[in-house]
Amino acid sequence: LIQETHYATYKALEIKESVGDRAFYVHLDYHPSDKHKSNTVVREAIGFVMGQGLDYELKPHAHAASSAADYLGRNGGHFKRQPINA
C-alpha cells in the first residue's frame, strides 16, 4: 500500500511548480477509520507526504484517488488505453 503513496508523492513533486499558488493535495487512497484495512498505513503515508512539503487528502475527501482505485477495481487493475484521434 505505501508504494502508492511514494508514486503519487513523486509525481506531485514533479508537477508542483506548474500548479503555482493554487491549492494542491496528494490524494491518498486510505481511510482513517479502523473499519478499513488501509487504516494501518495512514500515519506512515501522511508522514511521508508531509515530509516532502506537500499537503494530503484522505478518503472520503480524496476524490482523485478514490476514483482511480474504483476504476482499476472494475477493470482488473489496468487502465484501458484509449485511441488518440488526430
C-alpha atoms as a PDB file:
ATOM      1  CA  LEU A   1       0.000   0.000   0.000  1.00  0.00           C
ATOM      2  CA  ILE A   2       2.675   2.514   0.896  1.00  0.00           C
ATOM      3  CA  GLN A   3       4.222   2.227  -2.591  1.00  0.00           C
ATOM      4  CA  GLU A   4       1.129   4.026  -3.944  1.00  0.00           C
ATOM      5  CA  THR A   5       1.975   6.940  -1.662  1.00  0.00           C
ATOM      6  CA  HIS A   6       5.521   7.059  -2.993  1.00  0.00           C
ATOM      7  CA  TYR A   7       4.355   7.103  -6.621  1.00  0.00           C
ATOM      8  CA  ALA A   8       1.744   9.799  -6.004  1.00  0.00           C
ATOM      9  CA  THR A   9       4.140  11.943  -3.977  1.00  0.00           C
ATOM     10  CA  TYR A  10       6.950  11.790  -6.525  1.00  0.00           C
ATOM     11  CA  LYS A  11       4.544  12.710  -9.330  1.00  0.00           C
ATOM     12  CA  ALA A  12       3.187  15.570  -7.234  1.00  0.00           C
ATOM     13  CA  LEU A  13       6.712  16.881  -6.697  1.00  0.00           C
ATOM     14  CA  GLU A  14       7.311  16.779 -10.467  1.00  0.00           C
ATOM     15  CA  ILE A  15       4.293  18.970 -11.234  1.00  0.00           C
ATOM     16  CA  LYS A  16       4.173  21.164  -8.126  1.00  0.00           C
ATOM     17  CA  GLU A  17       5.746  24.209  -9.799  1.00  0.00           C
ATOM     18  CA  SER A  18       3.145  24.111 -12.579  1.00  0.00           C
ATOM     19  CA  VAL A  19       0.337  24.415 -10.036  1.00  0.00           C
ATOM     20  CA  GLY A  20       1.566  27.752  -8.749  1.00  0.00           C
ATOM     21  CA  ASP A  21      -0.278  29.202  -5.740  1.00  0.00           C
ATOM     22  CA  ARG A  22      -3.413  27.082  -6.195  1.00  0.00           C
ATOM     23  CA  ALA A  23      -4.470  24.504  -3.608  1.00  0.00           C
ATOM     24  CA  PHE A  24      -2.545  21.291  -4.209  1.00  0.00           C
ATOM     25  CA  TYR A  25      -3.006  17.998  -2.377  1.00  0.00           C
ATOM     26  CA  VAL A  26      -1.762  14.458  -2.761  1.00  0.00           C
ATOM     27  CA  HIS A  27      -4.868  12.287  -2.682  1.00  0.00           C
ATOM     28  CA  LEU A  28      -4.269   9.127  -0.680  1.00  0.00           C
ATOM     29  CA  ASP A  29      -6.478   6.088  -1.216  1.00  0.00           C
ATOM     30  CA  TYR A  30      -6.586   5.309   2.507  1.00  0.00           C
ATOM     31  CA  HIS A  31      -9.387   5.617   5.010  1.00  0.00           C
ATOM     32  CA  PRO A  32      -8.613   6.780   8.564  1.00  0.00           C
ATOM     33  CA  SER A  33     -11.385   4.645  10.101  1.00  0.00           C
ATOM     34  CA  ASP A  34     -10.416   1.465  11.987  1.00  0.00           C
ATOM     35  CA  LYS A  35     -13.102  -0.303   9.942  1.00  0.00           C
ATOM     36  CA  HIS A  36     -10.858  -0.213   6.842  1.00  0.00           C
ATOM     37  CA  LYS A  37      -7.656  -2.202   6.332  1.00  0.00           C
ATOM     38  CA  SER A  38      -5.898   0.767   4.730  1.00  0.00           C
ATOM     39  CA  ASN A  39      -6.033   2.420   8.152  1.00  0.00           C
ATOM     40  CA  THR A  40      -2.826   0.570   9.094  1.00  0.00           C
ATOM     41  CA  VAL A  41      -0.636   2.785   6.887  1.00  0.00           C
ATOM     42  CA  VAL A  42      -2.405   6.144   7.235  1.00  0.00           C
ATOM     43  CA  ARG A  43       0.112   7.660   9.661  1.00  0.00           C
ATOM     44  CA  GLU A  44       3.107   6.487   7.628  1.00  0.00           C
ATOM     45  CA  ALA A  45       1.590   7.805   4.391  1.00  0.00           C
ATOM     46  CA  ILE A  46       0.729  11.184   5.897  1.00  0.00           C
ATOM     47  CA  GLY A  47       4.219  11.491   7.364  1.00  0.00           C
ATOM     48  CA  PHE A  48       5.828  10.717   4.030  1.00  0.00           C
ATOM     49  CA  VAL A  49       3.728  13.243   2.108  1.00  0.00           C
ATOM     50  CA  MET A  50       4.153  15.992   4.691  1.00  0.00           C
ATOM     51  CA  GLY A  51       7.876  15.235   4.925  1.00  0.00           C
ATOM     52  CA  GLN A  52       8.121  16.182   1.248  1.00  0.00           C
ATOM     53  CA  GLY A  53       6.449  19.527   1.969  1.00  0.00           C
ATOM     54  CA  LEU A  54       3.089  18.594   0.475  1.00  0.00           C
ATOM     55  CA  ASP A  55      -0.472  18.523   1.794  1.00  0.00           C
ATOM     56  CA  TYR A  56      -2.758  15.495   1.580  1.00  0.00           C
ATOM     57  CA  GLU A  57      -6.378  14.362   1.448  1.00  0.00           C
ATOM     58  CA  LEU A  58      -7.716  11.034   2.712  1.00  0.00           C
ATOM     59  CA  LYS A  59     -10.915   9.158   1.917  1.00  0.00           C
ATOM     60  CA  PRO A  60     -13.673  10.146   1.662  1.00  0.00           C
ATOM     61  CA  HIS A  61     -12.262  13.527   0.560  1.00  0.00           C
ATOM     62  CA  ALA A  62      -9.548  12.112  -1.724  1.00  0.00           C
ATOM     63  CA  HIS A  63     -11.779  12.024  -4.802  1.00  0.00           C
ATOM     64  CA  ALA A  64      -8.976  11.536  -7.336  1.00  0.00           C
ATOM     65  CA  ALA A  65      -7.519   8.527  -5.528  1.00  0.00           C
ATOM     66  CA  SER A  66     -10.919   7.008  -4.854  1.00  0.00           C
ATOM     67  CA  SER A  67     -11.999   7.394  -8.482  1.00  0.00           C
ATOM     68  CA  ALA A  68      -8.797   5.843  -9.817  1.00  0.00           C
ATOM     69  CA  ALA A  69      -8.983   2.942  -7.353  1.00  0.00           C
ATOM     70  CA  ASP A  70     -12.638   2.295  -8.225  1.00  0.00           C
ATOM     71  CA  TYR A  71     -11.836   2.364 -11.945  1.00  0.00           C
ATOM     72  CA  LEU A  72      -8.937  -0.050 -11.542  1.00  0.00           C
ATOM     73  CA  GLY A  73     -11.058  -2.342  -9.394  1.00  0.00           C
ATOM     74  CA  ARG A  74     -13.711  -2.533 -12.096  1.00  0.00           C
ATOM     75  CA  ASN A  75     -11.136  -3.098 -14.864  1.00  0.00           C
ATOM     76  CA  GLY A  76      -8.917  -5.811 -13.464  1.00  0.00           C
ATOM     77  CA  GLY A  77      -6.269  -3.448 -12.141  1.00  0.00           C
ATOM     78  CA  HIS A  78      -5.498  -1.862 -15.513  1.00  0.00           C
ATOM     79  CA  PHE A  79      -6.200   1.423 -17.211  1.00  0.00           C
ATOM     80  CA  LYS A  80      -7.664   0.899 -20.671  1.00  0.00           C
ATOM     81  CA  ARG A  81      -5.736   2.588 -23.445  1.00  0.00           C
ATOM     82  CA  GLN A  82      -7.887   5.000 -25.382  1.00  0.00           C
ATOM     83  CA  PRO A  83      -7.083   5.667 -29.047  1.00  0.00           C
ATOM     84  CA  ILE A  84      -5.887   9.171 -29.784  1.00  0.00           C
ATOM     85  CA  ASN A  85      -7.933  10.805 -32.514  1.00  0.00           C
ATOM     86  CA  ALA A  86      -5.775  13.103 -34.588  1.00  0.00           C
END
